[in-house]
């Protein structure tokens, strides 16, 4: 990641080339705080405790915006967070 002062301003590719931009979105899931920590940026973990369930494959025939591999469903929720 490239910086302009305290702000991210682009990325450096493995080839050594740089891509500059007006905004940078770091989307590394739960690894995001570790990725930006190398730049001296501290992001506290604000992720709620949650659960991810993957179902068994089923010939369900449903169409999804983002289908899960193998005719499975990936379901998540945090309704039980207060009980943990």
N, C-alpha and C. Protein backbone atom coordinates (compact mmCIF):
# COMPACT_ATOMS: atom_id res chain seq x y z
N UNK A 1 0.84 -1.16 0.00
CA UNK A 1 0.00 0.00 0.00
C UNK A 1 0.89 1.24 0.00
N UNK A 2 0.51 2.22 -0.75
CA UNK A 2 1.23 3.50 -0.79
C UNK A 2 0.54 4.49 0.12
N UNK A 3 1.31 5.38 0.70
CA UNK A 3 0.75 6.38 1.61
C UNK A 3 1.10 7.77 1.15
N UNK A 4 0.18 8.69 1.40
CA UNK A 4 0.39 10.11 1.20
C UNK A 4 0.14 10.75 2.56
N UNK A 5 1.21 10.91 3.33
CA UNK A 5 1.03 11.36 4.70
C UNK A 5 0.40 10.25 5.50
N UNK A 6 -0.72 10.55 6.15
CA UNK A 6 -1.38 9.52 6.96
C UNK A 6 -2.46 8.76 6.20
N UNK A 7 -2.62 9.04 4.92
CA UNK A 7 -3.68 8.41 4.13
C UNK A 7 -3.13 7.42 3.11
N UNK A 8 -3.87 6.33 2.89
CA UNK A 8 -3.53 5.40 1.83
C UNK A 8 -3.80 6.08 0.50
N UNK A 9 -2.89 5.92 -0.45
CA UNK A 9 -3.04 6.62 -1.73
C UNK A 9 -2.88 5.69 -2.94
N UNK A 10 -2.75 4.38 -2.71
CA UNK A 10 -2.61 3.45 -3.81
C UNK A 10 -1.96 2.17 -3.37
N UNK A 11 -1.57 1.38 -4.35
CA UNK A 11 -0.91 0.10 -4.08
C UNK A 11 0.31 -0.06 -4.97
N UNK A 12 1.27 -0.82 -4.47
CA UNK A 12 2.44 -1.19 -5.27
C UNK A 12 2.25 -2.65 -5.65
N UNK A 13 2.31 -2.93 -6.94
CA UNK A 13 2.12 -4.27 -7.45
C UNK A 13 3.39 -5.09 -7.30
N UNK A 14 3.26 -6.42 -7.39
CA UNK A 14 4.42 -7.30 -7.30
C UNK A 14 5.45 -6.97 -8.36
N UNK A 15 5.01 -6.42 -9.49
CA UNK A 15 5.93 -6.05 -10.57
C UNK A 15 6.77 -4.82 -10.22
N UNK A 16 6.36 -4.12 -9.15
CA UNK A 16 7.04 -2.87 -8.78
C UNK A 16 6.30 -1.64 -9.26
N UNK A 17 5.35 -1.81 -10.18
CA UNK A 17 4.54 -0.68 -10.65
C UNK A 17 3.63 -0.19 -9.54
N UNK A 18 3.26 1.09 -9.60
CA UNK A 18 2.36 1.68 -8.62
C UNK A 18 1.05 2.09 -9.27
N UNK A 19 -0.02 1.90 -8.54
CA UNK A 19 -1.34 2.38 -8.95
C UNK A 19 -1.80 3.38 -7.89
N UNK A 20 -1.99 4.64 -8.30
CA UNK A 20 -2.44 5.69 -7.37
C UNK A 20 -3.94 5.88 -7.50
N UNK A 21 -4.58 6.25 -6.41
CA UNK A 21 -6.02 6.45 -6.41
C UNK A 21 -6.40 7.49 -5.37
N UNK A 22 -7.65 7.96 -5.44
CA UNK A 22 -8.14 8.92 -4.45
C UNK A 22 -8.60 8.24 -3.17
N UNK A 23 -8.94 6.95 -3.26
CA UNK A 23 -9.43 6.21 -2.10
C UNK A 23 -8.96 4.77 -2.20
N UNK A 24 -8.71 4.16 -1.04
CA UNK A 24 -8.28 2.77 -0.98
C UNK A 24 -9.19 2.03 -0.01
N UNK A 25 -9.68 0.88 -0.43
CA UNK A 25 -10.48 0.02 0.42
C UNK A 25 -9.68 -1.24 0.68
N UNK A 26 -9.36 -1.49 1.94
CA UNK A 26 -8.65 -2.71 2.30
C UNK A 26 -9.71 -3.71 2.74
N UNK A 27 -9.88 -4.78 1.99
CA UNK A 27 -10.91 -5.77 2.27
C UNK A 27 -10.27 -7.14 2.41
N UNK A 28 -9.67 -7.37 3.55
CA UNK A 28 -8.97 -8.63 3.81
C UNK A 28 -9.69 -9.42 4.90
N UNK A 29 -10.95 -9.12 5.11
CA UNK A 29 -11.70 -9.83 6.15
C UNK A 29 -11.06 -9.63 7.51
N UNK A 30 -11.01 -10.69 8.30
CA UNK A 30 -10.46 -10.56 9.65
C UNK A 30 -8.96 -10.26 9.67
N UNK A 31 -8.28 -10.38 8.52
CA UNK A 31 -6.85 -10.10 8.45
C UNK A 31 -6.56 -8.62 8.23
N UNK A 32 -7.59 -7.80 7.99
CA UNK A 32 -7.37 -6.38 7.68
C UNK A 32 -6.53 -5.66 8.73
N UNK A 33 -6.82 -5.79 10.05
CA UNK A 33 -5.98 -5.10 11.03
C UNK A 33 -4.51 -5.48 10.92
N UNK A 34 -4.21 -6.75 10.66
CA UNK A 34 -2.81 -7.20 10.52
C UNK A 34 -2.18 -6.64 9.26
N UNK A 35 -2.94 -6.54 8.17
CA UNK A 35 -2.41 -6.02 6.91
C UNK A 35 -2.02 -4.56 7.05
N UNK A 36 -2.89 -3.75 7.65
CA UNK A 36 -2.59 -2.32 7.76
C UNK A 36 -1.64 -2.01 8.91
N UNK A 37 -1.48 -2.95 9.85
CA UNK A 37 -0.55 -2.74 10.96
C UNK A 37 0.88 -2.57 10.46
N UNK A 38 1.21 -3.21 9.33
CA UNK A 38 2.56 -3.08 8.78
C UNK A 38 2.84 -1.65 8.33
N UNK A 39 1.79 -0.85 8.19
CA UNK A 39 1.93 0.55 7.81
C UNK A 39 1.86 1.48 9.01
N UNK A 40 1.78 0.90 10.19
CA UNK A 40 1.68 1.70 11.40
C UNK A 40 0.26 2.18 11.66
N UNK A 41 -0.72 1.54 11.05
CA UNK A 41 -2.12 1.92 11.23
C UNK A 41 -2.77 0.89 12.15
N UNK A 42 -3.39 1.36 13.22
CA UNK A 42 -4.05 0.46 14.17
C UNK A 42 -5.56 0.53 13.97
N UNK A 43 -6.15 -0.61 13.65
CA UNK A 43 -7.61 -0.73 13.55
C UNK A 43 -8.04 -1.73 14.60
N UNK A 44 -8.82 -1.29 15.59
CA UNK A 44 -9.28 -2.25 16.59
C UNK A 44 -10.26 -3.24 15.98
N UNK A 45 -10.30 -4.43 16.53
CA UNK A 45 -11.21 -5.45 16.03
C UNK A 45 -12.62 -5.08 16.45
N UNK A 46 -13.45 -4.71 15.48
CA UNK A 46 -14.84 -4.36 15.76
C UNK A 46 -15.81 -5.40 15.27
N UNK A 47 -15.28 -6.57 14.89
CA UNK A 47 -16.14 -7.62 14.36
C UNK A 47 -16.95 -8.27 15.47
N UNK A 48 -18.25 -8.42 15.25
CA UNK A 48 -19.04 -9.13 16.26
C UNK A 48 -18.74 -10.62 16.22
N UNK A 49 -18.94 -11.27 17.33
CA UNK A 49 -18.84 -12.72 17.35
C UNK A 49 -19.97 -13.23 16.48
N UNK A 50 -19.69 -14.12 15.58
CA UNK A 50 -20.74 -14.66 14.72
C UNK A 50 -20.39 -16.08 14.32
N UNK A 51 -21.30 -16.72 13.63
CA UNK A 51 -21.12 -18.10 13.25
C UNK A 51 -21.39 -18.22 11.75
N UNK A 52 -20.59 -19.04 11.09
CA UNK A 52 -20.80 -19.32 9.67
C UNK A 52 -21.10 -20.81 9.55
N UNK A 53 -22.22 -21.12 8.92
CA UNK A 53 -22.63 -22.51 8.71
C UNK A 53 -22.62 -22.79 7.22
N UNK A 54 -21.96 -23.87 6.82
CA UNK A 54 -21.99 -24.33 5.43
C UNK A 54 -22.87 -25.57 5.38
N UNK A 55 -23.86 -25.55 4.52
CA UNK A 55 -24.78 -26.68 4.42
C UNK A 55 -24.21 -27.78 3.55
N UNK A 56 -24.81 -28.94 3.62
CA UNK A 56 -24.47 -30.04 2.73
C UNK A 56 -24.94 -29.67 1.33
N UNK A 57 -24.30 -30.21 0.29
CA UNK A 57 -24.76 -29.93 -1.07
C UNK A 57 -26.19 -30.41 -1.28
N UNK A 58 -26.93 -29.64 -2.06
CA UNK A 58 -28.32 -29.98 -2.35
C UNK A 58 -28.67 -29.39 -3.71
N UNK A 59 -29.39 -30.14 -4.50
CA UNK A 59 -29.84 -29.65 -5.80
C UNK A 59 -31.06 -28.76 -5.59
N UNK A 60 -30.85 -27.59 -5.05
CA UNK A 60 -31.94 -26.71 -4.65
C UNK A 60 -32.51 -25.89 -5.79
N UNK A 61 -31.75 -25.63 -6.83
CA UNK A 61 -32.25 -24.89 -7.98
C UNK A 61 -32.43 -23.40 -7.76
N UNK A 62 -32.04 -22.89 -6.61
CA UNK A 62 -32.17 -21.46 -6.34
C UNK A 62 -31.05 -20.69 -7.01
N UNK A 63 -31.32 -19.47 -7.40
CA UNK A 63 -30.31 -18.59 -7.98
C UNK A 63 -29.91 -17.59 -6.90
N UNK A 64 -28.62 -17.35 -6.76
CA UNK A 64 -28.12 -16.43 -5.75
C UNK A 64 -27.29 -15.35 -6.41
N UNK A 65 -27.22 -14.18 -5.75
CA UNK A 65 -26.37 -13.11 -6.24
C UNK A 65 -24.92 -13.57 -6.25
N UNK A 66 -24.53 -14.26 -5.19
CA UNK A 66 -23.17 -14.81 -5.09
C UNK A 66 -23.28 -16.27 -4.69
N UNK A 67 -23.35 -17.18 -5.66
CA UNK A 67 -23.54 -18.59 -5.35
C UNK A 67 -22.36 -19.16 -4.57
N UNK A 68 -22.66 -20.10 -3.69
CA UNK A 68 -21.62 -20.79 -2.93
C UNK A 68 -21.24 -22.07 -3.70
N UNK A 69 -19.97 -22.46 -3.68
CA UNK A 69 -19.53 -23.63 -4.46
C UNK A 69 -20.27 -24.91 -4.07
N UNK A 70 -20.48 -25.77 -5.04
CA UNK A 70 -21.00 -27.10 -4.80
C UNK A 70 -22.46 -27.17 -4.39
N UNK A 71 -23.28 -26.20 -4.83
CA UNK A 71 -24.70 -26.18 -4.47
C UNK A 71 -24.92 -26.17 -2.96
N UNK A 72 -24.05 -25.48 -2.23
CA UNK A 72 -24.21 -25.34 -0.78
C UNK A 72 -24.65 -23.92 -0.47
N UNK A 73 -25.07 -23.71 0.77
CA UNK A 73 -25.38 -22.37 1.26
C UNK A 73 -24.39 -22.01 2.35
N UNK A 74 -23.98 -20.76 2.40
CA UNK A 74 -23.17 -20.24 3.50
C UNK A 74 -24.08 -19.27 4.25
N UNK A 75 -24.39 -19.58 5.49
CA UNK A 75 -25.33 -18.80 6.29
C UNK A 75 -24.60 -18.25 7.50
N UNK A 76 -24.83 -16.98 7.79
CA UNK A 76 -24.23 -16.43 9.00
C UNK A 76 -25.25 -15.56 9.72
N UNK A 77 -25.01 -15.42 11.01
CA UNK A 77 -25.88 -14.57 11.82
C UNK A 77 -25.20 -14.31 13.14
N UNK A 78 -25.64 -13.29 13.83
CA UNK A 78 -25.06 -12.97 15.14
C UNK A 78 -26.14 -12.80 16.21
N UNK A 79 -27.32 -13.41 15.98
CA UNK A 79 -28.44 -13.23 16.91
C UNK A 79 -28.12 -13.74 18.31
N UNK A 80 -27.17 -14.65 18.45
CA UNK A 80 -26.85 -15.28 19.72
C UNK A 80 -25.65 -14.61 20.41
N UNK A 81 -25.15 -13.52 19.84
CA UNK A 81 -23.93 -12.89 20.34
C UNK A 81 -24.02 -12.55 21.83
N UNK A 82 -25.16 -12.04 22.27
CA UNK A 82 -25.30 -11.64 23.68
C UNK A 82 -25.25 -12.84 24.63
N UNK A 83 -25.47 -14.05 24.13
CA UNK A 83 -25.47 -15.25 24.97
C UNK A 83 -24.08 -15.87 25.12
N UNK A 84 -23.11 -15.36 24.37
CA UNK A 84 -21.76 -15.95 24.42
C UNK A 84 -20.93 -15.26 25.49
